[in-house]
Amino acid sequence: MLVVPVPSAARAVRRRGHDPVRGLAEVAVRRLRAEGFPVACATVLRQGRPVADQAGLSAAARAANLAGALRVTAARRVHGRRVVVVDDVITSGATLTEATRAIEAAGAQVMAVATVAATPRRHH
């Protein structure tokens, strides 16, 4: 089983000095290994093209903004593997949908996604 973090924007990583989603995935892997689970962290997702800031975008605009934006940098590491995708917050689901698309295109099977938090859905 591989744990694959969704990449943070390079600008955000530089500003913070670290990638919180990657750190979250690494902590999860350490804890799972300590319990005897054979898992590894694979930081294989990268942004293949620039995307707009998602803040303030509708769910449809988020999906369009991210469509085709992620790519797997080392398909051989994920091909034929089972994967759990990790992100910090799920808002519309567009980021996790795009991450799943990229990982499955590389020949892996996404078994689950894990997040720390979810924003409440607004009903109109």
C-alpha atoms as a PDB file:
ATOM      1  CA  MET A   1       0.000   0.000   0.000  1.00  0.00           C
ATOM      2  CA  LEU A   2       1.239   3.451  -0.894  1.00  0.00           C
ATOM      3  CA  VAL A   3       0.255   6.694   0.784  1.00  0.00           C
ATOM      4  CA  VAL A   4       0.411   9.514  -1.775  1.00  0.00           C
ATOM      5  CA  PRO A   5       0.141  13.126  -0.596  1.00  0.00           C
ATOM      6  CA  VAL A   6      -1.451  15.743  -2.822  1.00  0.00           C
ATOM      7  CA  PRO A   7       1.278  18.279  -3.611  1.00  0.00           C
ATOM      8  CA  SER A   8       1.042  21.742  -2.130  1.00  0.00           C
ATOM      9  CA  ALA A   9       1.691  24.680  -4.430  1.00  0.00           C
ATOM     10  CA  ALA A  10       5.422  25.436  -4.670  1.00  0.00           C
ATOM     11  CA  ARG A  11       4.818  29.042  -3.616  1.00  0.00           C
ATOM     12  CA  ALA A  12       2.971  27.906  -0.482  1.00  0.00           C
ATOM     13  CA  VAL A  13       5.762  25.461   0.418  1.00  0.00           C
ATOM     14  CA  ARG A  14       8.372  28.219   0.065  1.00  0.00           C
ATOM     15  CA  ARG A  15       6.275  30.607   2.160  1.00  0.00           C
ATOM     16  CA  ARG A  16       5.688  28.037   4.931  1.00  0.00           C
ATOM     17  CA  GLY A  17       9.098  26.407   4.717  1.00  0.00           C
ATOM     18  CA  HIS A  18       7.514  22.941   4.555  1.00  0.00           C
ATOM     19  CA  ASP A  19       4.768  20.921   2.878  1.00  0.00           C
ATOM     20  CA  PRO A  20       2.115  20.158   5.522  1.00  0.00           C
ATOM     21  CA  VAL A  21       0.306  17.512   3.450  1.00  0.00           C
ATOM     22  CA  ARG A  22       3.546  15.619   2.834  1.00  0.00           C
ATOM     23  CA  GLY A  23       4.335  15.843   6.548  1.00  0.00           C
ATOM     24  CA  LEU A  24       0.884  14.506   7.383  1.00  0.00           C
ATOM     25  CA  ALA A  25       1.357  11.554   5.030  1.00  0.00           C
ATOM     26  CA  GLU A  26       4.806  10.791   6.464  1.00  0.00           C
ATOM     27  CA  VAL A  27       3.467  10.784  10.039  1.00  0.00           C
ATOM     28  CA  ALA A  28       0.635   8.469   9.015  1.00  0.00           C
ATOM     29  CA  VAL A  29       3.087   6.064   7.360  1.00  0.00           C
ATOM     30  CA  ARG A  30       5.373   6.025  10.427  1.00  0.00           C
ATOM     31  CA  ARG A  31       2.441   5.231  12.704  1.00  0.00           C
ATOM     32  CA  LEU A  32       1.051   2.544  10.408  1.00  0.00           C
ATOM     33  CA  ARG A  33       4.487   0.911  10.102  1.00  0.00           C
ATOM     34  CA  ALA A  34       4.856   0.951  13.886  1.00  0.00           C
ATOM     35  CA  GLU A  35       1.607  -1.036  14.018  1.00  0.00           C
ATOM     36  CA  GLY A  36       2.984  -3.557  11.526  1.00  0.00           C
ATOM     37  CA  PHE A  37       1.293  -2.361   8.341  1.00  0.00           C
ATOM     38  CA  PRO A  38       3.465  -2.592   5.202  1.00  0.00           C
ATOM     39  CA  VAL A  39       3.010   0.919   3.799  1.00  0.00           C
ATOM     40  CA  ALA A  40       5.255   3.493   2.159  1.00  0.00           C
ATOM     41  CA  CYS A  41       4.933   7.180   1.381  1.00  0.00           C
ATOM     42  CA  ALA A  42       5.314   8.007  -2.308  1.00  0.00           C
ATOM     43  CA  THR A  43       5.544  11.700  -3.188  1.00  0.00           C
ATOM     44  CA  VAL A  44       4.960  11.102  -6.876  1.00  0.00           C
ATOM     45  CA  LEU A  45       2.289  13.678  -7.711  1.00  0.00           C
ATOM     46  CA  ARG A  46       3.368  16.981  -9.254  1.00  0.00           C
ATOM     47  CA  GLN A  47       1.566  19.895 -10.815  1.00  0.00           C
ATOM     48  CA  GLY A  48       1.982  19.534 -14.556  1.00  0.00           C
ATOM     49  CA  ARG A  49       0.754  23.037 -15.272  1.00  0.00           C
ATOM     50  CA  PRO A  50      -0.033  26.171 -13.284  1.00  0.00           C
ATOM     51  CA  VAL A  51      -3.457  26.396 -11.655  1.00  0.00           C
ATOM     52  CA  ALA A  52      -5.342  29.369 -10.256  1.00  0.00           C
ATOM     53  CA  ASP A  53      -5.823  29.820  -6.527  1.00  0.00           C
ATOM     54  CA  GLN A  54      -8.919  27.794  -5.623  1.00  0.00           C
ATOM     55  CA  ALA A  55     -10.176  30.224  -2.953  1.00  0.00           C
ATOM     56  CA  GLY A  56     -13.534  31.651  -3.918  1.00  0.00           C
ATOM     57  CA  LEU A  57     -14.065  29.342  -6.896  1.00  0.00           C
ATOM     58  CA  SER A  58     -17.285  27.375  -7.287  1.00  0.00           C
ATOM     59  CA  ALA A  59     -17.154  23.572  -7.340  1.00  0.00           C
ATOM     60  CA  ALA A  60     -17.462  23.572 -11.143  1.00  0.00           C
ATOM     61  CA  ALA A  61     -14.730  26.207 -11.501  1.00  0.00           C
ATOM     62  CA  ARG A  62     -12.447  24.232  -9.159  1.00  0.00           C
ATOM     63  CA  ALA A  63     -12.947  21.094 -11.252  1.00  0.00           C
ATOM     64  CA  ALA A  64     -12.198  22.984 -14.483  1.00  0.00           C
ATOM     65  CA  ASN A  65      -9.167  24.676 -12.912  1.00  0.00           C
ATOM     66  CA  LEU A  66      -7.643  21.345 -11.866  1.00  0.00           C
ATOM     67  CA  ALA A  67      -8.662  19.126 -14.800  1.00  0.00           C
ATOM     68  CA  GLY A  68      -5.491  17.477 -16.106  1.00  0.00           C
ATOM     69  CA  ALA A  69      -3.252  19.548 -13.814  1.00  0.00           C
ATOM     70  CA  LEU A  70      -1.592  16.721 -11.852  1.00  0.00           C
ATOM     71  CA  ARG A  71       0.788  14.082 -13.137  1.00  0.00           C
ATOM     72  CA  VAL A  72       2.637  11.143 -11.643  1.00  0.00           C
ATOM     73  CA  THR A  73       6.395  11.603 -11.893  1.00  0.00           C
ATOM     74  CA  ALA A  74       7.390   7.963 -11.361  1.00  0.00           C
ATOM     75  CA  ALA A  75       4.687   5.708 -12.789  1.00  0.00           C
ATOM     76  CA  ARG A  76       6.827   2.615 -12.117  1.00  0.00           C
ATOM     77  CA  ARG A  77       6.550   3.323  -8.359  1.00  0.00           C
ATOM     78  CA  VAL A  78       2.755   3.253  -8.403  1.00  0.00           C
ATOM     79  CA  HIS A  79       1.867   0.925 -11.283  1.00  0.00           C
ATOM     80  CA  GLY A  80      -0.062  -2.073  -9.964  1.00  0.00           C
ATOM     81  CA  ARG A  81      -0.104  -0.737  -6.395  1.00  0.00           C
ATOM     82  CA  ARG A  82      -2.970   0.117  -4.069  1.00  0.00           C
ATOM     83  CA  VAL A  83      -2.981   3.765  -3.012  1.00  0.00           C
ATOM     84  CA  VAL A  84      -4.454   6.008  -0.338  1.00  0.00           C
ATOM     85  CA  VAL A  85      -4.440   9.673  -1.397  1.00  0.00           C
ATOM     86  CA  VAL A  86      -3.881  12.216   1.395  1.00  0.00           C
ATOM     87  CA  ASP A  87      -4.879  15.895   1.445  1.00  0.00           C
ATOM     88  CA  ASP A  88      -5.420  18.364   4.251  1.00  0.00           C
ATOM     89  CA  VAL A  89      -8.929  19.681   3.536  1.00  0.00           C
ATOM     90  CA  ILE A  90     -11.663  18.541   1.176  1.00  0.00           C
ATOM     91  CA  THR A  91     -13.751  21.413  -0.119  1.00  0.00           C
ATOM     92  CA  SER A  92     -15.395  20.484  -3.415  1.00  0.00           C
ATOM     93  CA  GLY A  93     -13.524  17.221  -4.004  1.00  0.00           C
ATOM     94  CA  ALA A  94     -11.890  18.557  -7.195  1.00  0.00           C
ATOM     95  CA  THR A  95      -8.325  18.134  -5.930  1.00  0.00           C
ATOM     96  CA  LEU A  96      -8.882  14.556  -4.795  1.00  0.00           C
ATOM     97  CA  THR A  97     -10.708  13.760  -8.040  1.00  0.00           C
ATOM     98  CA  GLU A  98      -7.767  15.058 -10.079  1.00  0.00           C
ATOM     99  CA  ALA A  99      -5.221  13.234  -7.897  1.00  0.00           C
ATOM    100  CA  THR A 100      -7.180   9.998  -8.292  1.00  0.00           C
ATOM    101  CA  ARG A 101      -7.351  10.481 -12.054  1.00  0.00           C
ATOM    102  CA  ALA A 102      -3.578  10.978 -12.343  1.00  0.00           C
ATOM    103  CA  ILE A 103      -2.737   8.016 -10.099  1.00  0.00           C
ATOM    104  CA  GLU A 104      -5.134   5.658 -11.861  1.00  0.00           C
ATOM    105  CA  ALA A 105      -3.790   6.804 -15.250  1.00  0.00           C
ATOM    106  CA  ALA A 106      -0.374   5.607 -14.018  1.00  0.00           C
ATOM    107  CA  GLY A 107      -1.810   2.128 -13.415  1.00  0.00           C
ATOM    108  CA  ALA A 108      -2.505   2.209  -9.675  1.00  0.00           C
ATOM    109  CA  GLN A 109      -5.758   1.587  -7.842  1.00  0.00           C
ATOM    110  CA  VAL A 110      -6.925   4.310  -5.451  1.00  0.00           C
ATOM    111  CA  MET A 111      -8.500   2.467  -2.532  1.00  0.00           C
ATOM    112  CA  ALA A 112      -9.315   5.483  -0.351  1.00  0.00           C
ATOM    113  CA  VAL A 113      -8.676   9.134   0.313  1.00  0.00           C
ATOM    114  CA  ALA A 114      -7.871  10.625   3.699  1.00  0.00           C
ATOM    115  CA  THR A 115      -8.182  14.213   4.857  1.00  0.00           C
ATOM    116  CA  VAL A 116      -7.934  16.017   8.166  1.00  0.00           C
ATOM    117  CA  ALA A 117     -10.975  18.211   7.624  1.00  0.00           C
ATOM    118  CA  ALA A 118     -13.855  18.935   5.293  1.00  0.00           C
ATOM    119  CA  THR A 119     -15.617  22.194   4.660  1.00  0.00           C
ATOM    120  CA  PRO A 120     -19.389  22.120   5.091  1.00  0.00           C
ATOM    121  CA  ARG A 121     -21.374  22.045   1.881  1.00  0.00           C
ATOM    122  CA  ARG A 122     -23.528  25.060   1.222  1.00  0.00           C
ATOM    123  CA  HIS A 123     -27.009  24.253   0.003  1.00  0.00           C
ATOM    124  CA  HIS A 124     -28.753  26.891  -2.109  1.00  0.00           C
END
